[in-house]
Amino acid sequence: MNFTPGPWRREARFVMALKGKSVCECPRGGILHGKVDSANANLIAEAPEMYEALKALIALPESHCADMDCSTPDSEGCVWQRARAALAKADGSPA
């Protein structure tokens, strides 16, 4: 799956990519939802960097996960499995 290349940045209620391309608009929700809308825009703007960080994480040997239960592929506590599932969803593949 192809994504709009990062880095992305937040500009008011918009998330922008390189060369001024708009990635998305986070609508203003008024007084009650303004903080949530702002937080959503911040999270979306960081998506490309989080994606790359997850890819780097799963490239590490799973032995780095000494405090987590990585004994089986479906261990909920295993950060590698959670990272792989998140990347699969982002890539449009079955998790």
Protein backbone atom coordinates (compact mmCIF):
# COMPACT_ATOMS: atom_id res chain seq x y z
CA MET A 1 0.00 0.00 0.00
CA ASN A 2 1.31 3.46 -0.83
CA PHE A 3 1.07 6.23 1.72
CA THR A 4 1.58 9.94 1.30
CA PRO A 5 5.27 10.29 2.16
CA GLY A 6 6.15 11.77 5.53
CA PRO A 7 7.04 13.72 7.45
CA TRP A 8 3.61 15.18 8.11
CA ARG A 9 2.97 18.28 10.16
CA ARG A 10 -0.04 19.83 11.76
CA GLU A 11 -1.18 23.23 10.53
CA ALA A 12 -4.23 24.39 12.49
CA ARG A 13 -6.94 21.79 11.76
CA PHE A 14 -5.10 20.31 8.77
CA VAL A 15 -2.41 17.65 8.59
CA MET A 16 -0.04 18.51 5.77
CA ALA A 17 2.61 16.50 3.93
CA LEU A 18 5.62 17.65 1.98
CA LYS A 19 5.09 20.31 -0.69
CA GLY A 20 1.91 21.51 1.02
CA LYS A 21 -0.20 18.45 0.20
CA SER A 22 -3.17 18.08 2.57
CA VAL A 23 -3.37 14.64 4.17
CA CYS A 24 -6.57 15.29 6.10
CA GLU A 25 -8.67 17.86 7.87
CA CYS A 26 -9.69 17.44 11.49
CA PRO A 27 -12.91 19.41 11.93
CA ARG A 28 -13.33 21.79 14.79
CA GLY A 29 -15.71 20.38 17.33
CA GLY A 30 -16.38 23.46 19.39
CA ILE A 31 -15.49 24.10 23.00
CA LEU A 32 -16.14 20.58 24.29
CA HIS A 33 -14.41 18.69 21.49
CA GLY A 34 -11.65 21.16 20.60
CA LYS A 35 -9.02 19.42 22.75
CA VAL A 36 -9.95 16.00 21.35
CA ASP A 37 -9.84 17.30 17.77
CA SER A 38 -6.44 18.84 18.44
CA ALA A 39 -5.14 15.60 19.93
CA ASN A 40 -6.46 13.65 16.92
CA ALA A 41 -4.66 16.00 14.52
CA ASN A 42 -1.41 15.61 16.51
CA LEU A 43 -1.71 11.81 16.45
CA ILE A 44 -2.43 11.70 12.72
CA ALA A 45 0.51 14.00 11.99
CA GLU A 46 2.86 11.57 13.75
CA ALA A 47 1.57 8.47 11.92
CA PRO A 48 4.43 8.17 9.40
CA GLU A 49 7.07 8.33 12.14
CA MET A 50 5.19 5.84 14.34
CA TYR A 51 4.87 3.50 11.34
CA GLU A 52 8.62 3.65 10.73
CA ALA A 53 9.32 3.13 14.45
CA LEU A 54 7.14 0.00 14.48
CA LYS A 55 8.93 -1.35 11.41
CA ALA A 56 12.27 -0.80 13.17
CA LEU A 57 10.96 -2.48 16.33
CA ILE A 58 9.87 -5.67 14.61
CA ALA A 59 13.21 -5.86 12.83
CA LEU A 60 14.86 -6.40 16.25
CA PRO A 61 15.24 -9.94 17.59
CA GLU A 62 12.31 -10.90 19.81
CA SER A 63 14.83 -11.76 22.56
CA HIS A 64 14.81 -8.01 23.35
CA CYS A 65 11.32 -8.60 24.75
CA ALA A 66 12.50 -10.37 27.91
CA ASP A 67 9.73 -9.01 30.17
CA MET A 68 6.87 -9.84 27.82
CA ASP A 69 5.23 -13.15 27.00
CA CYS A 70 6.42 -13.82 23.46
CA SER A 71 6.22 -17.60 23.80
CA THR A 72 3.39 -17.97 21.31
CA PRO A 73 2.47 -15.96 18.22
CA ASP A 74 -0.87 -14.87 19.70
CA SER A 75 0.46 -13.72 23.08
CA GLU A 76 -1.39 -10.49 23.85
CA GLY A 77 1.50 -9.14 25.88
CA CYS A 78 4.05 -9.48 23.11
CA VAL A 79 4.94 -6.07 21.74
CA TRP A 80 6.27 -7.64 18.54
CA GLN A 81 2.96 -9.31 17.78
CA ARG A 82 1.04 -6.13 18.51
CA ALA A 83 3.43 -4.12 16.32
CA ARG A 84 3.10 -6.63 13.47
CA ALA A 85 -0.70 -6.52 13.72
CA ALA A 86 -0.75 -2.72 13.69
CA LEU A 87 1.53 -2.58 10.64
CA ALA A 88 -0.58 -5.18 8.84
CA LYS A 89 -3.70 -3.09 9.43
CA ALA A 90 -1.92 0.05 8.22
CA ASP A 91 -0.75 -1.80 5.12
CA GLY A 92 -4.29 -3.05 4.44
CA SER A 93 -3.40 -6.69 5.12
CA PRO A 94 -5.23 -9.07 7.45
CA ALA A 95 -3.89 -8.62 10.99
